[in-house]
N, C-alpha and C. Protein backbone atom coordinates (compact mmCIF):
# COMPACT_ATOMS: atom_id res chain seq x y z
N MET A 1 4.14 17.77 14.60
CA MET A 1 4.18 17.70 13.16
C MET A 1 2.82 18.15 12.63
N ASP A 2 2.82 19.12 11.73
CA ASP A 2 1.59 19.58 11.11
C ASP A 2 1.23 18.66 9.95
N LEU A 3 -0.01 18.16 9.96
CA LEU A 3 -0.49 17.30 8.89
C LEU A 3 -1.45 18.08 8.01
N ILE A 4 -1.35 17.85 6.71
CA ILE A 4 -2.20 18.51 5.72
C ILE A 4 -3.01 17.45 5.00
N THR A 5 -4.30 17.69 4.83
CA THR A 5 -5.16 16.77 4.10
C THR A 5 -4.92 16.94 2.60
N VAL A 6 -4.57 15.83 1.94
CA VAL A 6 -4.33 15.89 0.50
C VAL A 6 -5.52 15.35 -0.30
N THR A 7 -6.40 14.57 0.35
CA THR A 7 -7.62 14.12 -0.30
C THR A 7 -8.59 13.60 0.75
N ASN A 8 -9.88 13.65 0.45
CA ASN A 8 -10.94 13.07 1.29
C ASN A 8 -11.59 11.96 0.50
N LEU A 9 -11.80 10.82 1.14
CA LEU A 9 -12.42 9.67 0.48
C LEU A 9 -13.51 9.13 1.39
N PHE A 10 -14.49 8.47 0.80
CA PHE A 10 -15.63 7.97 1.58
C PHE A 10 -15.58 6.47 1.79
N SER A 11 -14.60 5.80 1.26
CA SER A 11 -14.45 4.37 1.40
C SER A 11 -13.15 4.07 2.15
N SER A 12 -13.24 3.24 3.18
CA SER A 12 -12.04 2.87 3.92
C SER A 12 -11.04 2.15 3.02
N ALA A 13 -11.54 1.28 2.16
CA ALA A 13 -10.66 0.55 1.25
C ALA A 13 -9.91 1.50 0.33
N GLU A 14 -10.61 2.48 -0.22
CA GLU A 14 -9.98 3.45 -1.12
C GLU A 14 -8.99 4.33 -0.37
N ALA A 15 -9.32 4.71 0.86
CA ALA A 15 -8.42 5.52 1.67
C ALA A 15 -7.14 4.75 1.99
N ASN A 16 -7.28 3.47 2.33
CA ASN A 16 -6.11 2.65 2.63
C ASN A 16 -5.27 2.40 1.38
N LEU A 17 -5.90 2.21 0.24
CA LEU A 17 -5.17 2.04 -1.01
C LEU A 17 -4.38 3.31 -1.34
N THR A 18 -5.01 4.47 -1.16
CA THR A 18 -4.34 5.74 -1.42
C THR A 18 -3.17 5.93 -0.47
N ALA A 19 -3.37 5.62 0.80
CA ALA A 19 -2.28 5.73 1.78
C ALA A 19 -1.14 4.77 1.42
N SER A 20 -1.47 3.58 0.95
CA SER A 20 -0.44 2.61 0.56
C SER A 20 0.35 3.11 -0.64
N ARG A 21 -0.33 3.70 -1.61
CA ARG A 21 0.36 4.28 -2.77
C ARG A 21 1.32 5.37 -2.33
N LEU A 22 0.85 6.24 -1.44
CA LEU A 22 1.70 7.33 -0.96
C LEU A 22 2.91 6.78 -0.20
N GLU A 23 2.66 5.79 0.65
CA GLU A 23 3.76 5.22 1.42
C GLU A 23 4.80 4.55 0.51
N ALA A 24 4.33 3.84 -0.51
CA ALA A 24 5.24 3.18 -1.44
C ALA A 24 6.08 4.18 -2.22
N ALA A 25 5.54 5.41 -2.38
CA ALA A 25 6.26 6.46 -3.09
C ALA A 25 7.16 7.27 -2.16
N GLY A 26 7.23 6.89 -0.88
CA GLY A 26 8.13 7.57 0.04
C GLY A 26 7.50 8.64 0.91
N PHE A 27 6.19 8.79 0.84
CA PHE A 27 5.50 9.77 1.69
C PHE A 27 5.17 9.12 3.04
N HIS A 28 4.67 9.92 3.95
CA HIS A 28 4.34 9.45 5.30
C HIS A 28 2.86 9.75 5.59
N PRO A 29 1.95 8.95 5.02
CA PRO A 29 0.52 9.25 5.15
C PRO A 29 -0.08 8.83 6.50
N HIS A 30 -1.16 9.52 6.85
CA HIS A 30 -1.96 9.21 8.03
C HIS A 30 -3.42 9.28 7.61
N LEU A 31 -4.25 8.43 8.19
CA LEU A 31 -5.69 8.48 7.91
C LEU A 31 -6.41 9.06 9.12
N LYS A 32 -7.24 10.06 8.87
CA LYS A 32 -8.00 10.70 9.94
C LYS A 32 -9.48 10.43 9.69
N GLY A 33 -10.15 9.90 10.68
CA GLY A 33 -11.59 9.67 10.58
C GLY A 33 -11.97 8.29 10.09
N GLU A 34 -10.99 7.40 9.94
CA GLU A 34 -11.31 6.07 9.42
C GLU A 34 -12.17 5.27 10.41
N LEU A 35 -11.84 5.30 11.68
CA LEU A 35 -12.62 4.53 12.65
C LEU A 35 -14.06 5.01 12.74
N ALA A 36 -14.27 6.30 12.67
CA ALA A 36 -15.64 6.83 12.68
C ALA A 36 -16.40 6.37 11.45
N ALA A 37 -15.71 6.34 10.32
CA ALA A 37 -16.36 5.92 9.07
C ALA A 37 -16.73 4.44 9.12
N LEU A 38 -15.95 3.64 9.84
CA LEU A 38 -16.22 2.20 9.92
C LEU A 38 -17.28 1.85 10.97
N SER A 39 -17.61 2.79 11.85
CA SER A 39 -18.51 2.49 12.96
C SER A 39 -19.96 2.30 12.54
N MET A 40 -20.37 2.90 11.42
CA MET A 40 -21.77 2.82 11.01
C MET A 40 -21.86 3.09 9.51
N ASP A 41 -22.70 2.33 8.81
CA ASP A 41 -22.89 2.56 7.37
C ASP A 41 -23.35 3.98 7.11
N GLY A 42 -22.72 4.64 6.17
CA GLY A 42 -23.09 5.99 5.79
C GLY A 42 -22.50 7.07 6.66
N TYR A 43 -21.86 6.69 7.76
CA TYR A 43 -21.32 7.69 8.69
C TYR A 43 -20.17 8.46 8.06
N SER A 44 -19.44 7.82 7.16
CA SER A 44 -18.33 8.48 6.49
C SER A 44 -18.82 9.71 5.73
N LEU A 45 -19.95 9.58 5.07
CA LEU A 45 -20.52 10.70 4.33
C LEU A 45 -20.92 11.82 5.28
N ALA A 46 -21.50 11.47 6.41
CA ALA A 46 -21.95 12.47 7.38
C ALA A 46 -20.80 13.22 8.02
N THR A 47 -19.65 12.57 8.17
CA THR A 47 -18.52 13.21 8.84
C THR A 47 -17.57 13.90 7.86
N GLY A 48 -17.86 13.83 6.57
CA GLY A 48 -16.99 14.49 5.59
C GLY A 48 -15.94 13.57 5.01
N GLY A 49 -16.02 12.30 5.31
CA GLY A 49 -15.11 11.33 4.71
C GLY A 49 -13.88 11.07 5.54
N ILE A 50 -13.03 10.24 4.99
CA ILE A 50 -11.75 9.89 5.61
C ILE A 50 -10.69 10.79 4.99
N GLU A 51 -9.96 11.50 5.83
CA GLU A 51 -8.94 12.41 5.34
C GLU A 51 -7.60 11.68 5.23
N VAL A 52 -7.00 11.74 4.05
CA VAL A 52 -5.66 11.22 3.86
C VAL A 52 -4.73 12.41 4.04
N GLN A 53 -3.87 12.33 5.05
CA GLN A 53 -3.01 13.45 5.40
C GLN A 53 -1.54 13.06 5.30
N VAL A 54 -0.72 14.06 5.04
CA VAL A 54 0.74 13.90 5.03
C VAL A 54 1.34 15.08 5.77
N PRO A 55 2.61 14.98 6.19
CA PRO A 55 3.26 16.14 6.80
C PRO A 55 3.24 17.34 5.84
N ALA A 56 3.16 18.53 6.40
CA ALA A 56 3.05 19.75 5.60
C ALA A 56 4.13 19.86 4.53
N ALA A 57 5.34 19.44 4.85
CA ALA A 57 6.45 19.56 3.89
C ALA A 57 6.26 18.66 2.68
N GLU A 58 5.40 17.65 2.79
CA GLU A 58 5.18 16.71 1.69
C GLU A 58 3.89 16.97 0.92
N ALA A 59 3.07 17.89 1.38
CA ALA A 59 1.72 18.06 0.86
C ALA A 59 1.67 18.37 -0.64
N ALA A 60 2.41 19.34 -1.10
CA ALA A 60 2.35 19.73 -2.51
C ALA A 60 2.78 18.59 -3.42
N GLU A 61 3.86 17.93 -3.05
CA GLU A 61 4.37 16.83 -3.87
C GLU A 61 3.41 15.63 -3.82
N ALA A 62 2.80 15.38 -2.67
CA ALA A 62 1.84 14.28 -2.54
C ALA A 62 0.60 14.52 -3.39
N ARG A 63 0.10 15.76 -3.40
CA ARG A 63 -1.06 16.08 -4.26
C ARG A 63 -0.71 15.87 -5.73
N GLU A 64 0.48 16.32 -6.13
CA GLU A 64 0.93 16.14 -7.50
C GLU A 64 1.00 14.65 -7.84
N PHE A 65 1.55 13.87 -6.93
CA PHE A 65 1.65 12.42 -7.13
C PHE A 65 0.27 11.80 -7.29
N LEU A 66 -0.68 12.17 -6.44
CA LEU A 66 -2.03 11.60 -6.51
C LEU A 66 -2.77 12.03 -7.78
N ASN A 67 -2.46 13.19 -8.30
CA ASN A 67 -3.12 13.68 -9.50
C ASN A 67 -2.49 13.17 -10.80
N SER A 68 -1.32 12.55 -10.69
CA SER A 68 -0.66 12.03 -11.89
C SER A 68 -1.30 10.70 -12.28
N PRO A 69 -1.30 10.38 -13.58
CA PRO A 69 -1.92 9.12 -14.02
C PRO A 69 -1.15 7.91 -13.48
N VAL A 70 -1.88 6.87 -13.19
CA VAL A 70 -1.29 5.62 -12.72
C VAL A 70 -0.90 4.81 -13.94
N THR A 71 0.35 4.39 -13.99
CA THR A 71 0.81 3.57 -15.13
C THR A 71 0.78 2.11 -14.72
N PRO A 72 0.19 1.26 -15.55
CA PRO A 72 0.10 -0.16 -15.20
C PRO A 72 1.46 -0.83 -15.29
N LEU A 73 1.64 -1.85 -14.46
CA LEU A 73 2.86 -2.65 -14.52
C LEU A 73 2.78 -3.58 -15.70
N GLU A 74 3.91 -3.85 -16.32
CA GLU A 74 3.92 -4.76 -17.46
C GLU A 74 4.59 -6.05 -17.13
């Protein structure tokens, strides 16, 4: 399965939140580089961040989803 990076983040918490949002919307996210980012303070910046990836067939729709405004629950 070919994975495409839809966003790079420098915080593990933010990367996991983004992956959770994608998963809740029906996508199949994977995090690349999270363990390296957690191994040492500042290492995430040095390695280019944590890549949030999805299967190639979902990439365009996942980017659109991430770029759309978040509506609060009422």
